[in-house]
Amino acid sequence: MRSERAPTYSPLPAKLVGALMLIVGIVLPSAGIYLGLLEQSWFFLAHALFFVITSVLLFKTHPGAIAVYALGMIICTAWAVAEVHLDQMRLLPRLTMWFVFGLILLLPWVRRPLHPKVAPVAVLLLTLAVVTTATVAVLSQLYMMNILP
């Protein structure tokens, strides 16, 4: 009789993404402090905090990594829009990295080591966060083209 085992997946892709996010999370605060003092906006420090927390969870292959990143993406997208409205030149630098890493975290080979424990709700939340961020970017483009008032 053959035993049924759940497939095991290499944690390497998740850990590589975690390493990249950790580098971003370490580098970003220096720019965040400078911009915070210059513009009185601490957005990039919050951005870095979510990246560091997510990277640590990815290193541990903790299923909460997806949910934490989704939450950070939603908070920082709302914060960016509140700060700079739909000004594309100031908005897109705030959103691009979130969007790219959100897409990467949705890739199956990054999520697989987390999969058995990752709640489908967290994946849905991240998907909605990625779609929302993309929508905001498109709206900012339409605003800059004077299509939106």
C-alpha atoms as a PDB file:
ATOM      1  CA  MET A   1       0.000   0.000   0.000  1.00  0.00           C
ATOM      2  CA  ARG A   2       1.347   3.373  -1.012  1.00  0.00           C
ATOM      3  CA  SER A   3       1.351   6.117   1.591  1.00  0.00           C
ATOM      4  CA  GLU A   4       0.027   9.511   0.569  1.00  0.00           C
ATOM      5  CA  ARG A   5       2.345  12.306   1.562  1.00  0.00           C
ATOM      6  CA  ALA A   6       1.941  15.977   0.960  1.00  0.00           C
ATOM      7  CA  PRO A   7       4.554  17.183  -1.514  1.00  0.00           C
ATOM      8  CA  THR A   8       7.435  19.116  -0.035  1.00  0.00           C
ATOM      9  CA  TYR A   9       8.761  22.172  -1.761  1.00  0.00           C
ATOM     10  CA  SER A  10      12.104  23.870  -1.531  1.00  0.00           C
ATOM     11  CA  PRO A  11      12.065  26.976   0.660  1.00  0.00           C
ATOM     12  CA  LEU A  12      14.890  28.452  -1.448  1.00  0.00           C
ATOM     13  CA  PRO A  13      12.727  30.746  -3.663  1.00  0.00           C
ATOM     14  CA  ALA A  14      10.923  32.170  -0.626  1.00  0.00           C
ATOM     15  CA  LYS A  15      14.219  32.694   1.181  1.00  0.00           C
ATOM     16  CA  LEU A  16      15.800  34.394  -1.847  1.00  0.00           C
ATOM     17  CA  VAL A  17      12.848  36.770  -2.095  1.00  0.00           C
ATOM     18  CA  GLY A  18      13.147  37.299   1.661  1.00  0.00           C
ATOM     19  CA  ALA A  19      16.850  38.166   1.268  1.00  0.00           C
ATOM     20  CA  LEU A  20      16.077  40.670  -1.466  1.00  0.00           C
ATOM     21  CA  MET A  21      13.320  42.212   0.644  1.00  0.00           C
ATOM     22  CA  LEU A  22      15.679  42.426   3.616  1.00  0.00           C
ATOM     23  CA  ILE A  23      18.236  44.329   1.532  1.00  0.00           C
ATOM     24  CA  VAL A  24      15.509  46.750   0.424  1.00  0.00           C
ATOM     25  CA  GLY A  25      14.288  47.026   4.012  1.00  0.00           C
ATOM     26  CA  ILE A  26      17.778  47.897   5.227  1.00  0.00           C
ATOM     27  CA  VAL A  27      18.606  50.395   2.455  1.00  0.00           C
ATOM     28  CA  LEU A  28      15.222  52.138   2.406  1.00  0.00           C
ATOM     29  CA  PRO A  29      15.398  53.693   5.897  1.00  0.00           C
ATOM     30  CA  SER A  30      18.385  55.853   4.968  1.00  0.00           C
ATOM     31  CA  ALA A  31      16.364  57.397   2.154  1.00  0.00           C
ATOM     32  CA  GLY A  32      13.302  57.383   4.389  1.00  0.00           C
ATOM     33  CA  ILE A  33      14.988  59.385   7.126  1.00  0.00           C
ATOM     34  CA  TYR A  34      16.350  61.909   4.612  1.00  0.00           C
ATOM     35  CA  LEU A  35      12.963  62.303   2.913  1.00  0.00           C
ATOM     36  CA  GLY A  36      11.214  62.360   6.268  1.00  0.00           C
ATOM     37  CA  LEU A  37      13.305  65.291   7.412  1.00  0.00           C
ATOM     38  CA  LEU A  38      13.074  67.005   4.035  1.00  0.00           C
ATOM     39  CA  GLU A  39       9.388  66.499   3.238  1.00  0.00           C
ATOM     40  CA  GLN A  40       8.050  65.622   6.677  1.00  0.00           C
ATOM     41  CA  SER A  41       6.879  62.282   5.244  1.00  0.00           C
ATOM     42  CA  TRP A  42       7.822  59.074   6.995  1.00  0.00           C
ATOM     43  CA  PHE A  43       6.272  56.871   4.309  1.00  0.00           C
ATOM     44  CA  PHE A  44       9.518  55.139   3.325  1.00  0.00           C
ATOM     45  CA  LEU A  45      10.308  54.190   6.920  1.00  0.00           C
ATOM     46  CA  ALA A  46       6.942  52.450   7.222  1.00  0.00           C
ATOM     47  CA  HIS A  47       7.607  50.886   3.830  1.00  0.00           C
ATOM     48  CA  ALA A  48      10.941  49.507   5.081  1.00  0.00           C
ATOM     49  CA  LEU A  49       9.398  48.162   8.277  1.00  0.00           C
ATOM     50  CA  PHE A  50       6.887  46.035   6.374  1.00  0.00           C
ATOM     51  CA  PHE A  51       9.647  44.779   4.074  1.00  0.00           C
ATOM     52  CA  VAL A  52      11.839  43.714   7.008  1.00  0.00           C
ATOM     53  CA  ILE A  53       8.971  41.981   8.822  1.00  0.00           C
ATOM     54  CA  THR A  54       7.930  40.147   5.657  1.00  0.00           C
ATOM     55  CA  SER A  55      11.527  39.120   4.913  1.00  0.00           C
ATOM     56  CA  VAL A  56      11.990  37.632   8.388  1.00  0.00           C
ATOM     57  CA  LEU A  57       8.733  35.681   8.001  1.00  0.00           C
ATOM     58  CA  LEU A  58       9.847  34.423   4.571  1.00  0.00           C
ATOM     59  CA  PHE A  59      13.171  33.230   6.016  1.00  0.00           C
ATOM     60  CA  LYS A  60      11.213  31.263   8.596  1.00  0.00           C
ATOM     61  CA  THR A  61       8.773  30.092   5.864  1.00  0.00           C
ATOM     62  CA  HIS A  62       6.035  31.407   8.115  1.00  0.00           C
ATOM     63  CA  PRO A  63       2.605  31.493   6.450  1.00  0.00           C
ATOM     64  CA  GLY A  64       1.937  34.955   7.889  1.00  0.00           C
ATOM     65  CA  ALA A  65       4.395  36.511   5.396  1.00  0.00           C
ATOM     66  CA  ILE A  66       1.708  36.811   2.713  1.00  0.00           C
ATOM     67  CA  ALA A  67      -0.836  38.427   5.041  1.00  0.00           C
ATOM     68  CA  VAL A  68       1.685  40.866   6.537  1.00  0.00           C
ATOM     69  CA  TYR A  69       2.857  41.939   3.094  1.00  0.00           C
ATOM     70  CA  ALA A  70      -0.733  42.356   1.873  1.00  0.00           C
ATOM     71  CA  LEU A  71      -1.567  44.481   4.909  1.00  0.00           C
ATOM     72  CA  GLY A  72       1.551  46.609   4.384  1.00  0.00           C
ATOM     73  CA  MET A  73       0.745  47.031   0.715  1.00  0.00           C
ATOM     74  CA  ILE A  74      -2.792  48.215   1.453  1.00  0.00           C
ATOM     75  CA  ILE A  75      -1.669  50.608   4.199  1.00  0.00           C
ATOM     76  CA  CYS A  76       1.200  52.071   2.161  1.00  0.00           C
ATOM     77  CA  THR A  77      -0.898  52.429  -1.006  1.00  0.00           C
ATOM     78  CA  ALA A  78      -3.558  54.343   0.941  1.00  0.00           C
ATOM     79  CA  TRP A  79      -0.873  56.408   2.675  1.00  0.00           C
ATOM     80  CA  ALA A  80       0.817  57.264  -0.655  1.00  0.00           C
ATOM     81  CA  VAL A  81      -2.465  58.381  -2.222  1.00  0.00           C
ATOM     82  CA  ALA A  82      -3.312  60.435   0.868  1.00  0.00           C
ATOM     83  CA  GLU A  83       0.095  62.158   0.719  1.00  0.00           C
ATOM     84  CA  VAL A  84       0.596  62.843  -2.966  1.00  0.00           C
ATOM     85  CA  HIS A  85      -2.890  62.212  -4.388  1.00  0.00           C
ATOM     86  CA  LEU A  86      -2.676  61.079  -8.021  1.00  0.00           C
ATOM     87  CA  ASP A  87       0.547  62.946  -8.829  1.00  0.00           C
ATOM     88  CA  GLN A  88       2.159  60.264 -10.949  1.00  0.00           C
ATOM     89  CA  MET A  89       5.718  61.509 -10.566  1.00  0.00           C
ATOM     90  CA  ARG A  90       5.503  61.241  -6.774  1.00  0.00           C
ATOM     91  CA  LEU A  91       3.103  58.315  -6.540  1.00  0.00           C
ATOM     92  CA  LEU A  92       4.733  55.709  -8.757  1.00  0.00           C
ATOM     93  CA  PRO A  93       8.082  55.647  -6.899  1.00  0.00           C
ATOM     94  CA  ARG A  94       6.083  54.919  -3.752  1.00  0.00           C
ATOM     95  CA  LEU A  95       4.082  52.080  -5.316  1.00  0.00           C
ATOM     96  CA  THR A  96       6.327  50.356  -7.846  1.00  0.00           C
ATOM     97  CA  MET A  97       8.355  48.266  -5.416  1.00  0.00           C
ATOM     98  CA  TRP A  98       5.221  47.182  -3.550  1.00  0.00           C
ATOM     99  CA  PHE A  99       3.621  46.103  -6.793  1.00  0.00           C
ATOM    100  CA  VAL A 100       6.630  44.148  -8.074  1.00  0.00           C
ATOM    101  CA  PHE A 101       7.199  42.272  -4.813  1.00  0.00           C
ATOM    102  CA  GLY A 102       3.459  41.648  -4.509  1.00  0.00           C
ATOM    103  CA  LEU A 103       3.501  39.940  -7.902  1.00  0.00           C
ATOM    104  CA  ILE A 104       6.581  37.934  -6.911  1.00  0.00           C
ATOM    105  CA  LEU A 105       4.929  36.755  -3.687  1.00  0.00           C
ATOM    106  CA  LEU A 106       1.935  35.572  -5.693  1.00  0.00           C
ATOM    107  CA  LEU A 107       4.132  33.269  -7.789  1.00  0.00           C
ATOM    108  CA  PRO A 108       3.490  29.607  -6.925  1.00  0.00           C
ATOM    109  CA  TRP A 109       7.133  28.641  -6.401  1.00  0.00           C
ATOM    110  CA  VAL A 110       7.539  31.406  -3.820  1.00  0.00           C
ATOM    111  CA  ARG A 111       4.305  30.511  -2.008  1.00  0.00           C
ATOM    112  CA  ARG A 112       4.669  26.712  -2.161  1.00  0.00           C
ATOM    113  CA  PRO A 113       6.857  26.317   0.936  1.00  0.00           C
ATOM    114  CA  LEU A 114       4.238  28.328   2.825  1.00  0.00           C
ATOM    115  CA  HIS A 115       1.273  26.733   1.036  1.00  0.00           C
ATOM    116  CA  PRO A 116      -0.150  24.128   3.414  1.00  0.00           C
ATOM    117  CA  LYS A 117      -0.442  26.736   6.120  1.00  0.00           C
ATOM    118  CA  VAL A 118      -1.181  29.860   4.072  1.00  0.00           C
ATOM    119  CA  ALA A 119      -4.798  30.827   4.357  1.00  0.00           C
ATOM    120  CA  PRO A 120      -6.550  31.347   1.028  1.00  0.00           C
ATOM    121  CA  VAL A 121      -7.826  34.602   2.534  1.00  0.00           C
ATOM    122  CA  ALA A 122      -4.234  35.911   2.751  1.00  0.00           C
ATOM    123  CA  VAL A 123      -3.608  35.099  -0.915  1.00  0.00           C
ATOM    124  CA  LEU A 124      -6.907  36.743  -1.855  1.00  0.00           C
ATOM    125  CA  LEU A 125      -5.988  39.806   0.223  1.00  0.00           C
ATOM    126  CA  LEU A 126      -2.595  40.056  -1.505  1.00  0.00           C
ATOM    127  CA  THR A 127      -4.239  39.652  -4.910  1.00  0.00           C
ATOM    128  CA  LEU A 128      -6.677  42.462  -4.097  1.00  0.00           C
ATOM    129  CA  ALA A 129      -3.808  44.641  -2.836  1.00  0.00           C
ATOM    130  CA  VAL A 130      -1.852  44.097  -6.077  1.00  0.00           C
ATOM    131  CA  VAL A 131      -4.922  44.866  -8.194  1.00  0.00           C
ATOM    132  CA  THR A 132      -5.686  47.973  -6.106  1.00  0.00           C
ATOM    133  CA  THR A 133      -2.124  49.260  -6.462  1.00  0.00           C
ATOM    134  CA  ALA A 134      -2.211  48.680 -10.226  1.00  0.00           C
ATOM    135  CA  THR A 135      -5.566  50.473 -10.427  1.00  0.00           C
ATOM    136  CA  VAL A 136      -4.189  53.472  -8.526  1.00  0.00           C
ATOM    137  CA  ALA A 137      -1.216  53.591 -10.923  1.00  0.00           C
ATOM    138  CA  VAL A 138      -3.552  53.561 -13.944  1.00  0.00           C
ATOM    139  CA  LEU A 139      -5.738  56.245 -12.374  1.00  0.00           C
ATOM    140  CA  SER A 140      -2.682  58.417 -11.791  1.00  0.00           C
ATOM    141  CA  GLN A 141      -1.758  58.028 -15.461  1.00  0.00           C
ATOM    142  CA  LEU A 142      -5.266  59.033 -16.508  1.00  0.00           C
ATOM    143  CA  TYR A 143      -5.108  61.998 -14.128  1.00  0.00           C
ATOM    144  CA  MET A 144      -1.782  63.165 -15.578  1.00  0.00           C
ATOM    145  CA  MET A 145      -3.264  62.915 -19.089  1.00  0.00           C
ATOM    146  CA  ASN A 146      -6.157  65.147 -17.916  1.00  0.00           C
ATOM    147  CA  ILE A 147      -8.687  62.393 -18.589  1.00  0.00           C
ATOM    148  CA  LEU A 148      -9.713  62.424 -14.925  1.00  0.00           C
ATOM    149  CA  PRO A 149     -10.651  65.705 -13.255  1.00  0.00           C
END
